[in-house]
Protein backbone atom coordinates (compact mmCIF):
# COMPACT_ATOMS: atom_id res chain seq x y z
CA MET A 1 20.70 -19.77 -9.48
CA ALA A 2 20.26 -16.01 -9.91
CA ARG A 3 17.94 -13.62 -8.10
CA TYR A 4 15.77 -11.15 -9.98
CA VAL A 5 13.75 -8.17 -8.79
CA LEU A 6 10.46 -6.94 -10.25
CA LEU A 7 8.53 -3.72 -9.86
CA ILE A 8 4.86 -4.55 -10.26
CA SER A 9 1.54 -2.71 -10.32
CA TYR A 10 -1.93 -4.12 -9.77
CA ASP A 11 -5.55 -3.15 -9.46
CA GLY A 12 -6.56 -4.95 -6.29
CA THR A 13 -10.30 -4.96 -6.99
CA HIS A 14 -10.47 -8.61 -8.02
CA PHE A 15 -7.59 -9.95 -5.90
CA LEU A 16 -7.98 -11.46 -2.44
CA GLY A 17 -4.80 -9.67 -1.43
CA SER A 18 -1.18 -10.11 -2.46
CA GLN A 19 -0.34 -13.22 -0.44
CA ARG A 20 -1.17 -16.72 -1.68
CA GLN A 21 -4.12 -18.40 0.04
CA LYS A 22 -5.55 -21.91 -0.02
CA GLU A 23 -8.32 -20.74 -2.31
CA GLY A 24 -8.99 -17.61 -4.33
CA ARG A 25 -7.18 -15.34 -6.74
CA THR A 26 -4.19 -13.51 -5.27
CA VAL A 27 -1.37 -11.46 -6.75
CA GLN A 28 1.18 -14.04 -5.67
CA SER A 29 -0.67 -16.99 -7.19
CA VAL A 30 -1.15 -15.25 -10.53
CA LEU A 31 2.45 -14.01 -10.65
CA GLU A 32 3.85 -17.42 -9.71
CA ALA A 33 1.75 -19.07 -12.41
CA ALA A 34 3.35 -16.74 -14.95
CA ALA A 35 6.83 -17.39 -13.47
CA ARG A 36 6.27 -21.13 -13.86
CA LYS A 37 5.76 -20.67 -17.59
CA VAL A 38 8.60 -18.18 -18.03
CA LEU A 39 11.17 -20.23 -16.09
CA GLY A 40 9.81 -23.73 -16.67
CA ARG A 41 9.71 -24.62 -12.98
CA GLU A 42 7.84 -23.90 -9.75
CA THR A 43 9.00 -20.49 -8.50
CA LEU A 44 8.41 -18.73 -5.20
CA VAL A 45 7.86 -14.99 -5.52
CA SER A 46 8.48 -12.88 -2.40
CA PHE A 47 6.99 -9.43 -1.80
CA SER A 48 8.18 -6.34 0.06
CA GLY A 49 5.09 -6.77 2.22
CA ARG A 50 1.52 -7.96 1.95
CA THR A 51 -1.47 -5.95 0.82
CA ASP A 52 -5.01 -6.89 1.78
CA ALA A 53 -7.94 -7.79 -0.43
CA GLY A 54 -9.00 -4.82 -2.53
CA VAL A 55 -5.82 -2.80 -1.94
CA HIS A 56 -3.96 -1.57 -5.02
CA ALA A 57 -0.27 -1.11 -5.81
CA ALA A 58 1.49 1.34 -8.09
CA GLY A 59 4.98 0.24 -7.06
CA GLN A 60 5.14 -3.10 -5.25
CA VAL A 61 8.58 -4.77 -5.20
CA CYS A 62 9.15 -8.51 -5.35
CA HIS A 63 11.96 -10.96 -6.04
CA PHE A 64 12.40 -14.55 -7.14
CA ASP A 65 15.24 -17.00 -7.79
CA GLY A 66 15.64 -18.84 -11.07
CA GLU A 67 17.68 -19.71 -14.12
CA THR A 68 16.83 -18.29 -17.54
CA THR A 69 18.52 -17.16 -20.73
CA ILE A 70 16.16 -14.18 -20.93
CA PRO A 71 18.05 -10.93 -20.18
CA PRO A 72 16.88 -9.49 -16.85
CA HIS A 73 15.41 -6.32 -18.36
CA LYS A 74 13.45 -8.45 -20.85
CA LEU A 75 11.72 -10.46 -18.13
CA ARG A 76 9.15 -7.68 -17.93
CA GLU A 77 7.98 -8.43 -21.45
CA ALA A 78 8.03 -12.19 -20.89
CA PHE A 79 5.84 -11.89 -17.79
CA ASN A 80 3.47 -9.29 -19.23
CA ARG A 81 2.59 -11.51 -22.18
CA LEU A 82 1.17 -13.97 -19.64
CA LEU A 83 -0.26 -11.65 -17.00
CA PRO A 84 -3.86 -10.31 -16.92
CA ASP A 85 -4.74 -6.67 -17.46
CA ASP A 86 -4.99 -5.95 -13.72
CA LEU A 87 -1.43 -7.08 -12.92
CA LYS A 88 1.68 -6.00 -14.81
CA VAL A 89 5.45 -5.91 -14.37
CA LEU A 90 6.69 -2.33 -14.76
CA ARG A 91 10.43 -3.05 -14.53
CA SER A 92 12.74 -6.06 -14.12
CA ALA A 93 16.40 -6.31 -13.20
CA PRO A 94 19.04 -8.54 -11.62
CA ALA A 95 18.87 -8.24 -7.84
CA PRO A 96 21.82 -6.72 -5.97
CA VAL A 97 24.00 -9.22 -4.10
CA GLY A 98 22.31 -10.31 -0.88
CA PHE A 99 19.08 -8.49 -1.73
CA ASP A 100 15.86 -9.48 0.02
CA CYS A 101 12.82 -7.39 -0.89
CA THR A 102 11.09 -8.01 2.45
CA ARG A 103 13.89 -7.57 4.96
CA GLY A 104 15.61 -4.84 2.94
CA ALA A 105 12.65 -2.44 2.69
CA ARG A 106 13.45 0.82 4.48
CA ARG A 107 10.57 3.17 3.63
CA LYS A 108 7.10 2.63 2.22
CA THR A 109 4.69 5.22 0.89
CA TYR A 110 0.94 4.68 0.75
CA CYS A 111 -1.79 6.94 -0.55
CA TYR A 112 -5.40 6.80 0.66
CA ARG A 113 -8.01 8.49 -1.52
CA PHE A 114 -11.54 9.57 -0.61
CA TYR A 115 -13.87 12.07 -2.23
CA ALA A 116 -16.80 14.29 -1.28
CA ALA A 117 -19.70 14.57 -3.73
CA ALA A 118 -23.49 14.88 -3.71
CA CYS A 119 -23.76 11.40 -5.23
CA MET A 120 -21.54 8.49 -6.20
CA LEU A 121 -19.19 9.34 -9.07
CA PRO A 122 -18.61 6.22 -11.20
CA LEU A 123 -15.20 7.31 -12.50
CA LEU A 124 -13.84 7.71 -8.96
CA GLU A 125 -15.38 4.71 -7.24
CA ARG A 126 -12.83 2.05 -8.20
CA PHE A 127 -9.81 3.58 -6.48
CA SER A 128 -11.34 5.90 -3.88
CA VAL A 129 -14.17 6.05 -1.35
CA ARG A 130 -17.08 8.49 -1.26
CA VAL A 131 -17.51 10.13 2.15
CA GLU A 132 -20.24 12.19 3.78
CA GLY A 133 -19.75 15.90 4.23
CA THR A 134 -16.86 17.99 2.96
CA PRO A 135 -13.81 17.61 5.24
CA ASP A 136 -11.90 20.77 6.11
CA LEU A 137 -8.49 20.49 4.44
CA GLY A 138 -6.90 22.94 6.88
CA LYS A 139 -7.98 20.91 9.91
CA MET A 140 -6.63 17.70 8.43
CA ARG A 141 -3.32 19.29 7.53
CA GLY A 142 -3.09 20.87 10.96
CA ALA A 143 -3.40 17.44 12.60
CA CYS A 144 -0.67 15.76 10.51
CA PRO A 145 2.19 16.65 12.93
CA LEU A 146 0.45 14.59 15.64
CA PHE A 147 1.30 11.42 13.73
CA VAL A 148 4.79 12.26 12.43
CA GLY A 149 7.78 10.75 14.25
CA GLU A 150 8.21 7.58 16.26
CA HIS A 151 5.09 6.52 18.16
CA ASP A 152 3.42 3.44 19.55
CA PHE A 153 0.60 2.96 17.02
CA ALA A 154 -1.11 0.12 18.91
CA ALA A 155 -4.47 1.93 18.62
CA PHE A 156 -4.02 2.12 14.85
CA ARG A 157 -4.03 -1.60 14.12
CA ALA A 158 -6.87 -3.97 13.41
CA THR A 159 -7.54 -7.15 15.37
CA GLY A 160 -5.43 -9.99 14.04
CA SER A 161 -2.15 -8.13 13.72
CA SER A 162 0.83 -10.41 14.38
CA ALA A 163 3.43 -7.63 14.63
CA LYS A 164 6.00 -8.16 17.39
CA THR A 165 6.12 -4.43 18.16
CA THR A 166 3.62 -1.65 17.50
CA VAL A 167 6.20 1.13 17.44
CA ARG A 168 6.56 2.69 14.00
CA THR A 169 8.09 5.86 12.55
CA ILE A 170 6.20 8.11 10.16
CA TYR A 171 8.59 10.32 8.21
CA GLU A 172 6.06 12.32 6.24
CA LEU A 173 2.28 12.75 6.20
CA THR A 174 0.46 15.11 3.84
CA VAL A 175 -3.13 15.77 2.79
CA SER A 176 -4.04 17.39 -0.52
CA SER A 177 -7.27 18.01 -2.40
CA ARG A 178 -8.41 18.79 -5.91
CA THR A 179 -11.61 18.94 -7.93
CA GLU A 180 -12.16 15.85 -10.03
CA TYR A 181 -15.29 14.96 -12.07
CA GLY A 182 -17.35 17.37 -9.99
CA GLY A 183 -16.27 16.02 -6.63
CA THR A 184 -13.53 17.00 -4.18
CA MET A 185 -10.81 14.36 -4.09
CA TYR A 186 -8.64 14.10 -0.98
CA GLU A 187 -5.32 12.26 -0.93
CA VAL A 188 -3.68 11.21 2.32
CA ARG A 189 -0.07 10.30 1.54
CA VAL A 190 2.11 8.76 4.25
CA THR A 191 5.71 7.53 4.30
CA GLY A 192 7.03 5.37 7.12
CA ASN A 193 9.45 2.60 8.03
CA GLY A 194 6.58 0.15 8.19
CA PHE A 195 2.86 -0.07 8.93
CA LEU A 196 0.66 -2.23 11.12
CA TYR A 197 -2.36 -4.17 9.88
CA ASN A 198 -4.88 -1.59 8.56
CA MET A 199 -2.82 1.25 10.08
CA VAL A 200 -3.01 3.55 7.05
CA ARG A 201 -6.74 2.98 6.63
CA ILE A 202 -7.34 3.81 10.29
CA LEU A 203 -5.09 6.86 10.09
CA ALA A 204 -6.91 8.12 6.99
CA GLY A 205 -10.23 7.60 8.72
CA GLU A 206 -9.09 9.62 11.71
CA LEU A 207 -7.95 12.50 9.50
CA TYR A 208 -11.35 12.44 7.79
CA ALA A 209 -13.06 12.47 11.19
CA LEU A 210 -10.92 15.40 12.29
CA GLY A 211 -11.76 17.25 9.09
CA THR A 212 -15.49 16.82 9.60
CA GLY A 213 -15.58 17.48 13.34
CA ARG A 214 -16.33 13.87 14.19
CA ALA A 215 -13.10 13.70 16.22
CA ALA A 216 -10.78 16.04 18.08
CA GLU A 217 -6.99 16.16 18.23
CA GLU A 218 -7.24 15.14 21.89
CA ASP A 219 -8.61 11.79 20.72
CA VAL A 220 -5.47 11.16 18.66
CA THR A 221 -3.17 12.12 21.53
CA ALA A 222 -5.06 9.87 23.93
CA ALA A 223 -5.08 6.95 21.49
CA LEU A 224 -1.32 7.22 20.92
CA GLY A 225 -0.77 7.33 24.66
CA THR A 226 -3.09 4.49 25.67
CA GLY A 227 -3.36 2.23 22.62
CA ASP A 228 -7.15 2.37 22.89
CA ARG A 229 -8.66 1.69 19.45
CA SER A 230 -12.13 2.77 20.60
CA LEU A 231 -10.97 6.40 20.75
CA LEU A 232 -10.55 6.49 16.97
CA TYR A 233 -12.86 6.59 13.95
CA LYS A 234 -13.71 3.50 11.91
CA THR A 235 -11.36 1.75 9.49
CA MET A 236 -11.77 3.08 5.94
CA PRO A 237 -12.57 0.64 3.07
CA ALA A 238 -9.67 -1.13 1.35
CA LYS A 239 -10.33 0.13 -2.18
CA GLY A 240 -9.13 3.65 -1.35
CA LEU A 241 -5.62 2.45 -0.48
CA THR A 242 -2.67 2.22 -2.88
CA LEU A 243 0.91 1.17 -2.13
CA GLU A 244 2.83 3.79 -4.10
CA ARG A 245 6.52 3.19 -3.44
CA VAL A 246 8.99 0.96 -1.57
CA GLU A 247 12.49 2.28 -0.95
CA TYR A 248 15.77 0.45 -0.30
CA ASP A 249 19.33 1.35 0.61
CA VAL A 250 20.48 0.31 -2.88
CA PRO A 251 19.13 1.27 -6.32
CA LEU A 252 17.25 -1.60 -7.94
CA PHE A 253 16.56 -0.42 -11.45
CA GLU A 254 18.62 1.47 -14.00
CA GLY A 255 18.08 5.20 -13.75
CA GLU A 256 17.18 5.26 -10.04
């Protein structure tokens, strides 16, 4: 039995998240249905981590065990012939010895996108969220250092989190903006060693609040110190969030 690793991308709009559920369409259920046809047997596909309903992925990593005569790099084509348009395998390869995509993940990068415009812009709505007002980019960038480093992010998790510890390390946090289709698109990009349930969406919401004067930096400092969720702005909608990259200690695909 060999282990294989896949790099996948999906539009989360019509998925009830990445993890299989009793009912409903999920990334795992669709991918495992394709794996069953490719390998001729029931196959469990494991992910680097779960994404919620409506969240997208540009570079999710997963692995599975199986036996096949298909060359590892050709598995991409075999899967993609069976997968729908909103879920595709970007790369496939044999997994390194002892590789586990969940336990081995070292750094993850997410991007949250929201835009300011006088009205809803149809070409931006699928992967970003329209917000009120025009956030001040300088204020948001100025607040980024508050989050960077190791902190207890208890205030930045939604109810229902099962994490054993709420301490996480953020290595990098940036905010950029550009004009797109007549609106101002903002991108909050964050890299860390792991994230709590809804942590990135709460963090993005707080940066937006800081940029529009709805919050002050003192609120962030107090929330980090006390774990009080009520000090922070609301959780931003799922559709603005994309998992961009998962990093490991070993290269997974040729050319990395």
